[in-house]
Amino acid sequence: MFLNIIGVIGGSATLIGVATWLSALLTKHFLIKDIEKYKQSLRTESDKEIEELKIRLQLASKERELAWKEMHDKLPSALEKLEEEFRSILGANKNLNT
C-alpha cells in the first residue's frame, strides 16, 4: 500500500515535470518564432525607411544643384551691374575732385 502511494506520487511528479519541461520548450519555440518575425518586420521597415531617406536626399541634392546653377547663371550679370555701379561711383568721385 505504501509503495503504491509512493509510486502514484512519483508518477505524478514525473508527469508534472515532463509537462512543465514540454510547456517551457513550446513557449521557447513560439517566442523564438515571434522574435524572428519581429526582426524581419523591423528589417523590412528599416530598409523601406532607408530607401525613402535616400530618395529625399537625392531630391534635396538636385534642388541644391539647381539653386547653385541658377545663382551661377546670374553671377555674370550681377558682376556686370556691380562693375557699372562701381564705375559710376568712381566717375562721380572724379567729378567731385576736379
C-alpha atoms as a PDB file:
ATOM      1  CA  MET A   1       0.000   0.000   0.000  1.00  0.00           C
ATOM      2  CA  PHE A   2       2.746   2.423   0.999  1.00  0.00           C
ATOM      3  CA  LEU A   3       4.674   1.601  -2.166  1.00  0.00           C
ATOM      4  CA  ASN A   4       1.560   2.217  -4.234  1.00  0.00           C
ATOM      5  CA  ILE A   5       1.166   5.683  -2.732  1.00  0.00           C
ATOM      6  CA  ILE A   6       4.854   6.484  -3.373  1.00  0.00           C
ATOM      7  CA  GLY A   7       4.512   5.148  -6.906  1.00  0.00           C
ATOM      8  CA  VAL A   8       1.474   7.345  -7.586  1.00  0.00           C
ATOM      9  CA  ILE A   9       3.165  10.413  -6.092  1.00  0.00           C
ATOM     10  CA  GLY A  10       6.389   9.714  -8.010  1.00  0.00           C
ATOM     11  CA  GLY A  11       4.470   9.150 -11.240  1.00  0.00           C
ATOM     12  CA  SER A  12       2.511  12.351 -10.736  1.00  0.00           C
ATOM     13  CA  ALA A  13       5.685  14.290 -10.008  1.00  0.00           C
ATOM     14  CA  THR A  14       7.318  12.870 -13.110  1.00  0.00           C
ATOM     15  CA  LEU A  15       4.256  13.677 -15.196  1.00  0.00           C
ATOM     16  CA  ILE A  16       4.187  17.256 -13.845  1.00  0.00           C
ATOM     17  CA  GLY A  17       7.919  17.619 -14.518  1.00  0.00           C
ATOM     18  CA  VAL A  18       7.567  16.381 -18.095  1.00  0.00           C
ATOM     19  CA  ALA A  19       4.543  18.643 -18.669  1.00  0.00           C
ATOM     20  CA  THR A  20       6.461  21.645 -17.284  1.00  0.00           C
ATOM     21  CA  TRP A  21       9.513  20.888 -19.436  1.00  0.00           C
ATOM     22  CA  LEU A  22       7.336  20.415 -22.519  1.00  0.00           C
ATOM     23  CA  SER A  23       5.417  23.668 -21.941  1.00  0.00           C
ATOM     24  CA  ALA A  24       8.713  25.561 -21.416  1.00  0.00           C
ATOM     25  CA  LEU A  25      10.074  24.068 -24.628  1.00  0.00           C
ATOM     26  CA  LEU A  26       6.963  25.008 -26.606  1.00  0.00           C
ATOM     27  CA  THR A  27       6.908  28.508 -25.122  1.00  0.00           C
ATOM     28  CA  LYS A  28      10.564  28.990 -26.052  1.00  0.00           C
ATOM     29  CA  HIS A  29       9.892  27.741 -29.581  1.00  0.00           C
ATOM     30  CA  PHE A  30       6.989  30.137 -30.124  1.00  0.00           C
ATOM     31  CA  LEU A  31       8.875  33.044 -28.589  1.00  0.00           C
ATOM     32  CA  ILE A  32      11.804  32.432 -30.917  1.00  0.00           C
ATOM     33  CA  LYS A  33       9.414  32.341 -33.881  1.00  0.00           C
ATOM     34  CA  ASP A  34       7.834  35.614 -32.739  1.00  0.00           C
ATOM     35  CA  ILE A  35      11.247  37.206 -32.270  1.00  0.00           C
ATOM     36  CA  GLU A  36      12.300  36.158 -35.771  1.00  0.00           C
ATOM     37  CA  LYS A  37       9.060  37.602 -37.218  1.00  0.00           C
ATOM     38  CA  TYR A  38       9.671  40.831 -35.309  1.00  0.00           C
ATOM     39  CA  LYS A  39      13.281  41.023 -36.508  1.00  0.00           C
ATOM     40  CA  GLN A  40      12.160  40.504 -40.089  1.00  0.00           C
ATOM     41  CA  SER A  41       9.470  43.175 -39.824  1.00  0.00           C
ATOM     42  CA  LEU A  42      11.993  45.600 -38.327  1.00  0.00           C
ATOM     43  CA  ARG A  43      14.444  44.803 -41.116  1.00  0.00           C
ATOM     44  CA  THR A  44      11.776  45.349 -43.773  1.00  0.00           C
ATOM     45  CA  GLU A  45      10.583  48.559 -42.157  1.00  0.00           C
ATOM     46  CA  SER A  46      14.101  49.961 -41.747  1.00  0.00           C
ATOM     47  CA  ASP A  47      15.006  49.077 -45.341  1.00  0.00           C
ATOM     48  CA  LYS A  48      11.896  50.914 -46.525  1.00  0.00           C
ATOM     49  CA  GLU A  49      12.737  53.987 -44.429  1.00  0.00           C
ATOM     50  CA  ILE A  50      16.335  53.954 -45.683  1.00  0.00           C
ATOM     51  CA  GLU A  51      15.129  53.925 -49.286  1.00  0.00           C
ATOM     52  CA  GLU A  52      12.722  56.803 -48.571  1.00  0.00           C
ATOM     53  CA  LEU A  53      15.548  58.787 -46.971  1.00  0.00           C
ATOM     54  CA  LYS A  54      17.820  58.107 -49.943  1.00  0.00           C
ATOM     55  CA  ILE A  55      15.130  59.440 -52.291  1.00  0.00           C
ATOM     56  CA  ARG A  56      14.617  62.549 -50.159  1.00  0.00           C
ATOM     57  CA  LEU A  57      18.375  63.117 -50.028  1.00  0.00           C
ATOM     58  CA  GLN A  58      18.638  62.817 -53.804  1.00  0.00           C
ATOM     59  CA  LEU A  59      15.776  65.311 -54.234  1.00  0.00           C
ATOM     60  CA  ALA A  60      17.403  67.757 -51.821  1.00  0.00           C
ATOM     61  CA  SER A  61      20.703  67.358 -53.645  1.00  0.00           C
ATOM     62  CA  LYS A  62      19.039  68.110 -57.005  1.00  0.00           C
ATOM     63  CA  GLU A  63      17.291  71.156 -55.523  1.00  0.00           C
ATOM     64  CA  ARG A  64      20.623  72.484 -54.208  1.00  0.00           C
ATOM     65  CA  GLU A  65      22.280  71.749 -57.528  1.00  0.00           C
ATOM     66  CA  LEU A  66      19.576  73.705 -59.386  1.00  0.00           C
ATOM     67  CA  ALA A  67      19.798  76.594 -56.935  1.00  0.00           C
ATOM     68  CA  TRP A  68      23.587  76.794 -57.360  1.00  0.00           C
ATOM     69  CA  LYS A  69      23.247  76.577 -61.136  1.00  0.00           C
ATOM     70  CA  GLU A  70      20.689  79.389 -61.144  1.00  0.00           C
ATOM     71  CA  MET A  71      22.910  81.518 -58.926  1.00  0.00           C
ATOM     72  CA  HIS A  72      25.926  80.737 -61.100  1.00  0.00           C
ATOM     73  CA  ASP A  73      23.960  81.718 -64.216  1.00  0.00           C
ATOM     74  CA  LYS A  74      23.019  85.064 -62.635  1.00  0.00           C
ATOM     75  CA  LEU A  75      26.550  85.799 -61.441  1.00  0.00           C
ATOM     76  CA  PRO A  76      27.946  87.355 -64.667  1.00  0.00           C
ATOM     77  CA  SER A  77      25.082  89.844 -64.983  1.00  0.00           C
ATOM     78  CA  ALA A  78      25.296  90.672 -61.280  1.00  0.00           C
ATOM     79  CA  LEU A  79      29.028  91.286 -61.580  1.00  0.00           C
ATOM     80  CA  GLU A  80      28.433  93.417 -64.667  1.00  0.00           C
ATOM     81  CA  LYS A  81      25.884  95.562 -62.779  1.00  0.00           C
ATOM     82  CA  LEU A  82      28.258  95.821 -59.852  1.00  0.00           C
ATOM     83  CA  GLU A  83      31.056  96.931 -62.151  1.00  0.00           C
ATOM     84  CA  GLU A  84      28.777  99.558 -63.742  1.00  0.00           C
ATOM     85  CA  GLU A  85      27.829 100.875 -60.315  1.00  0.00           C
ATOM     86  CA  PHE A  86      31.460 100.930 -59.267  1.00  0.00           C
ATOM     87  CA  ARG A  87      32.476 102.822 -62.408  1.00  0.00           C
ATOM     88  CA  SER A  88      29.581 105.233 -61.856  1.00  0.00           C
ATOM     89  CA  ILE A  89      30.728 105.871 -58.306  1.00  0.00           C
ATOM     90  CA  LEU A  90      34.323 106.341 -59.421  1.00  0.00           C
ATOM     91  CA  GLY A  91      33.183 108.695 -62.204  1.00  0.00           C
ATOM     92  CA  ALA A  92      31.122 110.734 -59.760  1.00  0.00           C
ATOM     93  CA  ASN A  93      34.067 110.840 -57.384  1.00  0.00           C
ATOM     94  CA  LYS A  94      36.387 112.119 -60.182  1.00  0.00           C
ATOM     95  CA  ASN A  95      33.877 114.852 -60.983  1.00  0.00           C
ATOM     96  CA  LEU A  96      33.857 115.942 -57.355  1.00  0.00           C
ATOM     97  CA  ASN A  97      37.652 116.065 -57.183  1.00  0.00           C
ATOM     98  CA  THR A  98      38.050 118.161 -60.345  1.00  0.00           C
END
